[in-house]
Amino acid sequence: MKKTDIHVHCAPARMELSFGNPMDPESHYVCGPAELLETMETHEIGQAILMSGGEAPDNGTFGLGAVNEDCRRISRSYPDRLAWMCNLDPVSPETVLERMEKYKAWGAVGVGEVTFNQWMDHAFLYELFGAAQKLGLPVICHMSPEPGIEYGVCDRAGLPLLE
């Protein structure tokens, strides 16, 4: 039985990341579609879900690979192997539901990887989680212990804000 990987990053073409080890230039990169599919075969992964870095290429996505349009395009090229999750840039909380509805109509199967580095009860995140719930979309978050440390949604031990 082949596996499903619910959290992969892919770019339209291999993308070197700026925080890689200078002594090992291949230590940090995001692969392109061909390399992703080859890796999936090697590890007997039948399907994978692409994580999006957001809506706009210049939104500070920490080099996580592709944005929504890229993920949509890549997954449409390999519909039997790849699906994608949308991500929303942390702007205009009042338009989150409308934007998420658009991405769901375009084929997004969830929301992720959310990396907005604020507390879980921030107004933008509140709207994002509410819209995802209304649309029946799962959400994948990168977590951080507090704002300013790395990247990711912030909560305390035991996830009291999520609760």
C-alpha atoms as a PDB file:
ATOM      1  CA  MET A   1       0.000   0.000   0.000  1.00  0.00           C
ATOM      2  CA  LYS A   2       1.362   3.406  -0.985  1.00  0.00           C
ATOM      3  CA  LYS A   3       1.389   6.221   1.552  1.00  0.00           C
ATOM      4  CA  THR A   4       0.018   9.761   1.446  1.00  0.00           C
ATOM      5  CA  ASP A   5       2.243  12.619   2.569  1.00  0.00           C
ATOM      6  CA  ILE A   6       0.076  15.466   3.855  1.00  0.00           C
ATOM      7  CA  HIS A   7       2.868  18.068   4.104  1.00  0.00           C
ATOM      8  CA  VAL A   8       5.309  18.637   1.253  1.00  0.00           C
ATOM      9  CA  HIS A   9       6.908  21.732  -0.214  1.00  0.00           C
ATOM     10  CA  CYS A  10       7.601  22.091  -3.908  1.00  0.00           C
ATOM     11  CA  ALA A  11       8.531  24.999  -6.164  1.00  0.00           C
ATOM     12  CA  PRO A  12       7.977  25.334  -9.915  1.00  0.00           C
ATOM     13  CA  ALA A  13      11.733  24.630 -10.234  1.00  0.00           C
ATOM     14  CA  ARG A  14      14.384  23.656  -7.674  1.00  0.00           C
ATOM     15  CA  MET A  15      14.961  26.643  -5.386  1.00  0.00           C
ATOM     16  CA  GLU A  16      18.039  27.063  -3.184  1.00  0.00           C
ATOM     17  CA  LEU A  17      17.292  28.608   0.201  1.00  0.00           C
ATOM     18  CA  SER A  18      19.337  31.486   1.534  1.00  0.00           C
ATOM     19  CA  PHE A  19      19.752  30.014   5.025  1.00  0.00           C
ATOM     20  CA  GLY A  20      21.559  26.898   3.765  1.00  0.00           C
ATOM     21  CA  ASN A  21      24.980  25.824   4.982  1.00  0.00           C
ATOM     22  CA  PRO A  22      27.638  27.507   2.766  1.00  0.00           C
ATOM     23  CA  MET A  23      29.800  24.377   3.095  1.00  0.00           C
ATOM     24  CA  ASP A  24      26.952  22.232   1.730  1.00  0.00           C
ATOM     25  CA  PRO A  25      25.012  24.165  -0.939  1.00  0.00           C
ATOM     26  CA  GLU A  26      22.446  21.375  -1.270  1.00  0.00           C
ATOM     27  CA  SER A  27      21.653  21.277   2.435  1.00  0.00           C
ATOM     28  CA  HIS A  28      18.581  23.514   2.145  1.00  0.00           C
ATOM     29  CA  TYR A  29      16.462  23.719  -0.947  1.00  0.00           C
ATOM     30  CA  VAL A  30      12.921  23.211  -2.167  1.00  0.00           C
ATOM     31  CA  CYS A  31      12.684  20.657  -4.948  1.00  0.00           C
ATOM     32  CA  GLY A  32      10.863  21.028  -8.232  1.00  0.00           C
ATOM     33  CA  PRO A  33       8.030  18.720  -9.369  1.00  0.00           C
ATOM     34  CA  ALA A  34      10.210  16.096 -11.105  1.00  0.00           C
ATOM     35  CA  GLU A  35      12.448  15.677  -8.057  1.00  0.00           C
ATOM     36  CA  LEU A  36       9.417  15.549  -5.754  1.00  0.00           C
ATOM     37  CA  LEU A  37       7.801  12.781  -7.819  1.00  0.00           C
ATOM     38  CA  GLU A  38      11.090  10.846  -7.905  1.00  0.00           C
ATOM     39  CA  THR A  39      11.395  11.109  -4.121  1.00  0.00           C
ATOM     40  CA  MET A  40       7.791  10.015  -3.728  1.00  0.00           C
ATOM     41  CA  GLU A  41       8.496   6.902  -5.799  1.00  0.00           C
ATOM     42  CA  THR A  42      11.636   6.121  -3.807  1.00  0.00           C
ATOM     43  CA  HIS A  43       9.657   6.265  -0.548  1.00  0.00           C
ATOM     44  CA  GLU A  44       6.520   4.557  -1.931  1.00  0.00           C
ATOM     45  CA  ILE A  45       4.365   7.658  -1.521  1.00  0.00           C
ATOM     46  CA  GLY A  46       1.370   7.509  -3.818  1.00  0.00           C
ATOM     47  CA  GLN A  47      -0.021  10.977  -3.194  1.00  0.00           C
ATOM     48  CA  ALA A  48       1.178  14.197  -1.586  1.00  0.00           C
ATOM     49  CA  ILE A  49      -0.348  17.512  -0.598  1.00  0.00           C
ATOM     50  CA  LEU A  50       1.586  20.660  -1.466  1.00  0.00           C
ATOM     51  CA  MET A  51       1.833  23.369   1.184  1.00  0.00           C
ATOM     52  CA  SER A  52       1.554  26.937  -0.046  1.00  0.00           C
ATOM     53  CA  GLY A  53       3.641  29.842   1.147  1.00  0.00           C
ATOM     54  CA  GLY A  54       0.792  32.309   0.633  1.00  0.00           C
ATOM     55  CA  GLU A  55      -0.900  34.417  -1.981  1.00  0.00           C
ATOM     56  CA  ALA A  56       1.882  36.697  -3.255  1.00  0.00           C
ATOM     57  CA  PRO A  57       5.493  35.778  -4.110  1.00  0.00           C
ATOM     58  CA  ASP A  58       6.859  38.711  -2.079  1.00  0.00           C
ATOM     59  CA  ASN A  59       4.911  38.037   1.128  1.00  0.00           C
ATOM     60  CA  GLY A  60       7.869  36.893   3.223  1.00  0.00           C
ATOM     61  CA  THR A  61       7.146  33.141   3.069  1.00  0.00           C
ATOM     62  CA  PHE A  62      10.615  32.164   4.333  1.00  0.00           C
ATOM     63  CA  GLY A  63      11.359  30.371   1.071  1.00  0.00           C
ATOM     64  CA  LEU A  64       8.820  27.641   1.711  1.00  0.00           C
ATOM     65  CA  GLY A  65       8.435  26.998  -1.990  1.00  0.00           C
ATOM     66  CA  ALA A  66       5.422  27.890  -4.038  1.00  0.00           C
ATOM     67  CA  VAL A  67       2.547  30.289  -3.507  1.00  0.00           C
ATOM     68  CA  ASN A  68      -1.090  29.389  -4.194  1.00  0.00           C
ATOM     69  CA  GLU A  69      -1.012  29.833  -7.949  1.00  0.00           C
ATOM     70  CA  ASP A  70       2.197  27.789  -8.240  1.00  0.00           C
ATOM     71  CA  CYS A  71       0.768  24.965  -6.101  1.00  0.00           C
ATOM     72  CA  ARG A  72      -2.428  24.971  -8.126  1.00  0.00           C
ATOM     73  CA  ARG A  73      -0.502  24.789 -11.403  1.00  0.00           C
ATOM     74  CA  ILE A  74       1.874  22.049 -10.199  1.00  0.00           C
ATOM     75  CA  SER A  75      -0.943  19.893  -8.814  1.00  0.00           C
ATOM     76  CA  ARG A  76      -2.995  20.272 -12.001  1.00  0.00           C
ATOM     77  CA  SER A  77      -0.036  18.846 -13.926  1.00  0.00           C
ATOM     78  CA  TYR A  78      -0.088  15.711 -11.738  1.00  0.00           C
ATOM     79  CA  PRO A  79      -3.723  15.357 -10.576  1.00  0.00           C
ATOM     80  CA  ASP A  80      -3.396  11.668  -9.634  1.00  0.00           C
ATOM     81  CA  ARG A  81      -0.346  12.331  -7.452  1.00  0.00           C
ATOM     82  CA  LEU A  82      -0.576  15.863  -6.059  1.00  0.00           C
ATOM     83  CA  ALA A  83      -3.183  18.007  -4.332  1.00  0.00           C
ATOM     84  CA  TRP A  84      -2.618  21.411  -2.736  1.00  0.00           C
ATOM     85  CA  MET A  85      -3.522  23.503   0.268  1.00  0.00           C
ATOM     86  CA  CYS A  86      -3.967  27.236  -0.051  1.00  0.00           C
ATOM     87  CA  ASN A  87      -2.508  29.810   2.275  1.00  0.00           C
ATOM     88  CA  LEU A  88      -3.667  33.344   2.925  1.00  0.00           C
ATOM     89  CA  ASP A  89      -1.479  36.366   3.465  1.00  0.00           C
ATOM     90  CA  PRO A  90      -2.177  38.036   6.832  1.00  0.00           C
ATOM     91  CA  VAL A  91      -4.000  41.051   5.440  1.00  0.00           C
ATOM     92  CA  SER A  92      -7.631  42.177   5.382  1.00  0.00           C
ATOM     93  CA  PRO A  93      -9.239  39.810   7.906  1.00  0.00           C
ATOM     94  CA  GLU A  94     -12.623  40.895   6.556  1.00  0.00           C
ATOM     95  CA  THR A  95     -11.864  39.246   3.186  1.00  0.00           C
ATOM     96  CA  VAL A  96     -10.513  35.910   4.467  1.00  0.00           C
ATOM     97  CA  LEU A  97     -13.707  33.934   3.817  1.00  0.00           C
ATOM     98  CA  GLU A  98     -14.087  35.352   0.308  1.00  0.00           C
ATOM     99  CA  ARG A  99     -10.462  34.576  -0.574  1.00  0.00           C
ATOM    100  CA  MET A 100     -10.643  31.095   0.907  1.00  0.00           C
ATOM    101  CA  GLU A 101     -13.855  30.341  -1.010  1.00  0.00           C
ATOM    102  CA  LYS A 102     -12.025  31.265  -4.218  1.00  0.00           C
ATOM    103  CA  TYR A 103      -9.135  28.912  -3.469  1.00  0.00           C
ATOM    104  CA  LYS A 104     -11.475  26.085  -2.528  1.00  0.00           C
ATOM    105  CA  ALA A 105     -13.289  26.586  -5.855  1.00  0.00           C
ATOM    106  CA  TRP A 106      -9.870  26.390  -7.548  1.00  0.00           C
ATOM    107  CA  GLY A 107      -9.286  22.983  -5.949  1.00  0.00           C
ATOM    108  CA  ALA A 108      -7.528  23.654  -2.638  1.00  0.00           C
ATOM    109  CA  VAL A 109      -8.128  20.746  -0.243  1.00  0.00           C
ATOM    110  CA  GLY A 110      -7.217  22.683   2.903  1.00  0.00           C
ATOM    111  CA  VAL A 111      -5.244  25.597   4.332  1.00  0.00           C
ATOM    112  CA  GLY A 112      -1.547  25.299   5.023  1.00  0.00           C
ATOM    113  CA  GLU A 113       1.080  25.686   5.990  1.00  0.00           C
ATOM    114  CA  VAL A 114       0.042  28.652   8.139  1.00  0.00           C
ATOM    115  CA  THR A 115       3.189  30.373   9.419  1.00  0.00           C
ATOM    116  CA  PHE A 116       1.819  33.762  10.583  1.00  0.00           C
ATOM    117  CA  ASN A 117       3.937  34.527  13.661  1.00  0.00           C
ATOM    118  CA  GLN A 118       1.290  35.864  16.029  1.00  0.00           C
ATOM    119  CA  TRP A 119      -0.775  34.457  18.886  1.00  0.00           C
ATOM    120  CA  MET A 120      -3.474  31.970  17.941  1.00  0.00           C
ATOM    121  CA  ASP A 121      -6.238  34.446  18.965  1.00  0.00           C
ATOM    122  CA  HIS A 122      -5.035  37.214  16.597  1.00  0.00           C
ATOM    123  CA  ALA A 123      -7.896  38.738  14.537  1.00  0.00           C
ATOM    124  CA  PHE A 124      -6.510  37.429  11.239  1.00  0.00           C
ATOM    125  CA  LEU A 125      -6.105  33.874  12.563  1.00  0.00           C
ATOM    126  CA  TYR A 126      -9.539  33.984  14.173  1.00  0.00           C
ATOM    127  CA  GLU A 127     -11.049  34.757  10.761  1.00  0.00           C
ATOM    128  CA  LEU A 128      -8.866  32.162   9.017  1.00  0.00           C
ATOM    129  CA  PHE A 129      -9.892  29.348  11.374  1.00  0.00           C
ATOM    130  CA  GLY A 130     -13.548  30.409  11.226  1.00  0.00           C
ATOM    131  CA  ALA A 131     -13.566  30.469   7.420  1.00  0.00           C
ATOM    132  CA  ALA A 132     -11.829  27.075   7.239  1.00  0.00           C
ATOM    133  CA  GLN A 133     -14.403  25.599   9.606  1.00  0.00           C
ATOM    134  CA  LYS A 134     -17.284  27.072   7.617  1.00  0.00           C
ATOM    135  CA  LEU A 135     -15.868  25.640   4.371  1.00  0.00           C
ATOM    136  CA  GLY A 136     -14.930  22.262   5.876  1.00  0.00           C
ATOM    137  CA  LEU A 137     -11.210  22.703   5.160  1.00  0.00           C
ATOM    138  CA  PRO A 138      -8.488  21.272   7.415  1.00  0.00           C
ATOM    139  CA  VAL A 139      -5.671  23.575   8.535  1.00  0.00           C
ATOM    140  CA  ILE A 140      -1.974  22.749   9.003  1.00  0.00           C
ATOM    141  CA  CYS A 141       0.056  25.196  11.095  1.00  0.00           C
ATOM    142  CA  HIS A 142       3.711  25.564  11.841  1.00  0.00           C
ATOM    143  CA  MET A 143       3.901  26.347  15.560  1.00  0.00           C
ATOM    144  CA  SER A 144       6.134  28.717  17.512  1.00  0.00           C
ATOM    145  CA  PRO A 145       6.329  29.321  21.274  1.00  0.00           C
ATOM    146  CA  GLU A 146       5.972  33.100  20.925  1.00  0.00           C
ATOM    147  CA  PRO A 147       6.125  35.903  18.350  1.00  0.00           C
ATOM    148  CA  GLY A 148       9.609  36.693  17.114  1.00  0.00           C
ATOM    149  CA  ILE A 149      10.926  33.156  17.535  1.00  0.00           C
ATOM    150  CA  GLU A 150      11.372  31.535  14.137  1.00  0.00           C
ATOM    151  CA  TYR A 151       8.018  31.501  12.358  1.00  0.00           C
ATOM    152  CA  GLY A 152       4.649  29.949  12.975  1.00  0.00           C
ATOM    153  CA  VAL A 153       1.409  30.416  14.855  1.00  0.00           C
ATOM    154  CA  CYS A 154       1.969  31.002  18.575  1.00  0.00           C
ATOM    155  CA  ASP A 155       0.329  29.354  21.563  1.00  0.00           C
ATOM    156  CA  ARG A 156       1.358  28.305  25.034  1.00  0.00           C
ATOM    157  CA  ALA A 157       2.026  24.796  26.336  1.00  0.00           C
ATOM    158  CA  GLY A 158      -1.188  22.769  26.204  1.00  0.00           C
ATOM    159  CA  LEU A 159      -2.536  24.951  23.352  1.00  0.00           C
ATOM    160  CA  PRO A 160      -4.984  26.968  25.504  1.00  0.00           C
ATOM    161  CA  LEU A 161      -5.659  29.532  22.759  1.00  0.00           C
ATOM    162  CA  LEU A 162      -6.497  26.799  20.262  1.00  0.00           C
ATOM    163  CA  GLU A 163      -8.865  25.278  22.803  1.00  0.00           C
END
